[in-house]
C-alpha atoms as a PDB file:
ATOM      1  CA  MET A   1     -44.623  65.386 -50.189  1.00  0.00           C
ATOM      2  CA  ILE A   2     -46.650  69.042 -50.101  1.00  0.00           C
ATOM      3  CA  ARG A   3     -44.873  72.355 -50.266  1.00  0.00           C
ATOM      4  CA  PHE A   4     -46.595  75.867 -48.519  1.00  0.00           C
ATOM      5  CA  SER A   5     -44.893  78.706 -49.822  1.00  0.00           C
ATOM      6  CA  VAL A   6     -45.880  82.350 -49.086  1.00  0.00           C
ATOM      7  CA  LEU A   7     -44.738  84.722 -50.969  1.00  0.00           C
ATOM      8  CA  TYR A   8     -44.452  88.807 -50.265  1.00  0.00           C
ATOM      9  CA  PRO A   9     -44.861  91.239 -52.949  1.00  0.00           C
ATOM     10  CA  ALA A  10     -42.641  93.883 -53.766  1.00  0.00           C
ATOM     11  CA  SER A  11     -44.245  97.626 -54.120  1.00  0.00           C
ATOM     12  CA  ASP A  12     -43.432 101.091 -53.394  1.00  0.00           C
ATOM     13  CA  ASP A  13     -45.140 101.032 -49.825  1.00  0.00           C
ATOM     14  CA  ALA A  14     -44.201  97.644 -48.979  1.00  0.00           C
ATOM     15  CA  THR A  15     -42.263  97.276 -45.314  1.00  0.00           C
ATOM     16  CA  PHE A  16     -40.910  94.612 -44.104  1.00  0.00           C
ATOM     17  CA  ASP A  17     -38.367  93.167 -41.199  1.00  0.00           C
ATOM     18  CA  HIS A  18     -36.929  90.141 -42.370  1.00  0.00           C
ATOM     19  CA  ASP A  19     -35.061  90.014 -38.774  1.00  0.00           C
ATOM     20  CA  TYR A  20     -38.220  89.958 -37.005  1.00  0.00           C
ATOM     21  CA  TYR A  21     -39.324  87.361 -39.801  1.00  0.00           C
ATOM     22  CA  ALA A  22     -36.931  84.709 -39.434  1.00  0.00           C
ATOM     23  CA  ASN A  23     -36.371  84.935 -35.856  1.00  0.00           C
ATOM     24  CA  LYS A  24     -40.012  85.228 -34.328  1.00  0.00           C
ATOM     25  CA  HIS A  25     -42.708  84.833 -36.998  1.00  0.00           C
ATOM     26  CA  VAL A  26     -41.428  81.766 -38.795  1.00  0.00           C
ATOM     27  CA  PRO A  27     -40.291  80.051 -35.973  1.00  0.00           C
ATOM     28  CA  LEU A  28     -43.639  79.923 -34.325  1.00  0.00           C
ATOM     29  CA  ALA A  29     -45.386  78.978 -37.506  1.00  0.00           C
ATOM     30  CA  VAL A  30     -42.602  76.119 -37.438  1.00  0.00           C
ATOM     31  CA  LYS A  31     -43.561  75.395 -34.028  1.00  0.00           C
ATOM     32  CA  THR A  32     -47.358  75.703 -34.102  1.00  0.00           C
ATOM     33  CA  TRP A  33     -47.511  73.016 -37.125  1.00  0.00           C
ATOM     34  CA  GLY A  34     -45.092  70.890 -35.854  1.00  0.00           C
ATOM     35  CA  LEU A  35     -42.405  71.164 -38.401  1.00  0.00           C
ATOM     36  CA  ASP A  36     -38.819  70.895 -38.273  1.00  0.00           C
ATOM     37  CA  GLY A  37     -38.271  74.023 -40.294  1.00  0.00           C
ATOM     38  CA  ALA A  38     -38.801  76.076 -43.180  1.00  0.00           C
ATOM     39  CA  GLU A  39     -36.842  77.672 -45.449  1.00  0.00           C
ATOM     40  CA  ILE A  40     -36.841  81.224 -45.974  1.00  0.00           C
ATOM     41  CA  ASP A  41     -36.137  83.128 -49.004  1.00  0.00           C
ATOM     42  CA  ARG A  42     -34.746  86.963 -48.798  1.00  0.00           C
ATOM     43  CA  GLY A  43     -35.709  88.815 -52.139  1.00  0.00           C
ATOM     44  CA  VAL A  44     -32.698  90.253 -54.227  1.00  0.00           C
ATOM     45  CA  ASN A  45     -33.973  90.504 -57.712  1.00  0.00           C
ATOM     46  CA  GLY A  46     -37.781  89.911 -59.066  1.00  0.00           C
ATOM     47  CA  PRO A  47     -41.456  90.052 -57.696  1.00  0.00           C
ATOM     48  CA  TYR A  48     -41.228  89.326 -53.668  1.00  0.00           C
ATOM     49  CA  VAL A  49     -39.596  90.797 -50.867  1.00  0.00           C
ATOM     50  CA  ALA A  50     -39.164  87.654 -49.047  1.00  0.00           C
ATOM     51  CA  ALA A  51     -40.823  83.978 -49.200  1.00  0.00           C
ATOM     52  CA  VAL A  52     -40.400  80.994 -47.168  1.00  0.00           C
ATOM     53  CA  HIS A  53     -41.755  77.426 -47.957  1.00  0.00           C
ATOM     54  CA  PHE A  54     -42.758  74.678 -45.312  1.00  0.00           C
ATOM     55  CA  THR A  55     -43.202  70.933 -46.257  1.00  0.00           C
ATOM     56  CA  PHE A  56     -45.797  68.647 -45.241  1.00  0.00           C
ATOM     57  CA  GLU A  57     -46.277  64.959 -45.581  1.00  0.00           C
ATOM     58  CA  SER A  58     -49.795  65.568 -47.266  1.00  0.00           C
ATOM     59  CA  MET A  59     -52.140  67.540 -48.254  1.00  0.00           C
ATOM     60  CA  ASP A  60     -54.196  66.093 -45.301  1.00  0.00           C
ATOM     61  CA  ALA A  61     -51.492  66.926 -43.138  1.00  0.00           C
ATOM     62  CA  MET A  62     -51.470  70.533 -44.248  1.00  0.00           C
ATOM     63  CA  GLY A  63     -54.866  70.957 -44.022  1.00  0.00           C
ATOM     64  CA  ALA A  64     -54.526  69.516 -40.338  1.00  0.00           C
ATOM     65  CA  ALA A  65     -51.622  71.933 -39.405  1.00  0.00           C
ATOM     66  CA  LEU A  66     -53.324  75.260 -40.837  1.00  0.00           C
ATOM     67  CA  ALA A  67     -56.747  74.019 -39.055  1.00  0.00           C
ATOM     68  CA  ALA A  68     -54.935  74.022 -35.861  1.00  0.00           C
ATOM     69  CA  PRO A  69     -56.416  77.012 -33.525  1.00  0.00           C
ATOM     70  CA  ALA A  70     -52.778  78.394 -32.887  1.00  0.00           C
ATOM     71  CA  THR A  71     -52.896  78.933 -36.409  1.00  0.00           C
ATOM     72  CA  ALA A  72     -54.650  82.146 -35.721  1.00  0.00           C
ATOM     73  CA  GLU A  73     -51.834  83.319 -33.437  1.00  0.00           C
ATOM     74  CA  VAL A  74     -49.394  82.847 -36.304  1.00  0.00           C
ATOM     75  CA  MET A  75     -51.869  85.145 -38.454  1.00  0.00           C
ATOM     76  CA  ALA A  76     -52.345  87.808 -36.034  1.00  0.00           C
ATOM     77  CA  ASP A  77     -48.458  88.125 -35.851  1.00  0.00           C
ATOM     78  CA  VAL A  78     -47.988  89.161 -39.441  1.00  0.00           C
ATOM     79  CA  ALA A  79     -48.818  92.664 -38.792  1.00  0.00           C
ATOM     80  CA  ASN A  80     -45.705  92.897 -36.551  1.00  0.00           C
ATOM     81  CA  TYR A  81     -43.191  92.539 -39.224  1.00  0.00           C
ATOM     82  CA  THR A  82     -45.128  93.742 -42.497  1.00  0.00           C
ATOM     83  CA  ASN A  83     -47.651  95.361 -44.532  1.00  0.00           C
ATOM     84  CA  ILE A  84     -47.798  93.488 -47.425  1.00  0.00           C
ATOM     85  CA  SER A  85     -50.518  91.279 -48.217  1.00  0.00           C
ATOM     86  CA  PRO A  86     -48.774  87.844 -48.625  1.00  0.00           C
ATOM     87  CA  VAL A  87     -49.540  85.308 -51.678  1.00  0.00           C
ATOM     88  CA  THR A  88     -49.473  81.549 -51.123  1.00  0.00           C
ATOM     89  CA  GLN A  89     -49.132  78.482 -53.313  1.00  0.00           C
ATOM     90  CA  THR A  90     -49.468  74.755 -52.175  1.00  0.00           C
ATOM     91  CA  SER A  91     -47.405  72.302 -54.530  1.00  0.00           C
ATOM     92  CA  GLU A  92     -46.816  68.719 -54.756  1.00  0.00           C
ATOM     93  CA  ILE A  93     -42.844  67.918 -54.859  1.00  0.00           C
ATOM     94  CA  VAL A  94     -42.471  65.736 -57.698  1.00  0.00           C
ATOM     95  CA  GLY A  95     -38.617  66.263 -58.084  1.00  0.00           C
END
């Protein structure tokens, strides 16, 4: 299994609309990529204001999902909830 995480670093000038993110953006990504859901984190203490974790069966499945033409709509939607440039992490789930 592969986990694709998108993390939003905190900064003094960062803006982030958690409600929009949870109710509009993440569901758009889940639908676009044909997933059953995602785990959303709201930062409480640490270097990130938010994060989301998507799980894929394989690297090939993740690559195919992210290459879908509708991913452009997901990426364009980022401006609707934040001014933060996200950081991504791809991980193999080992436990």
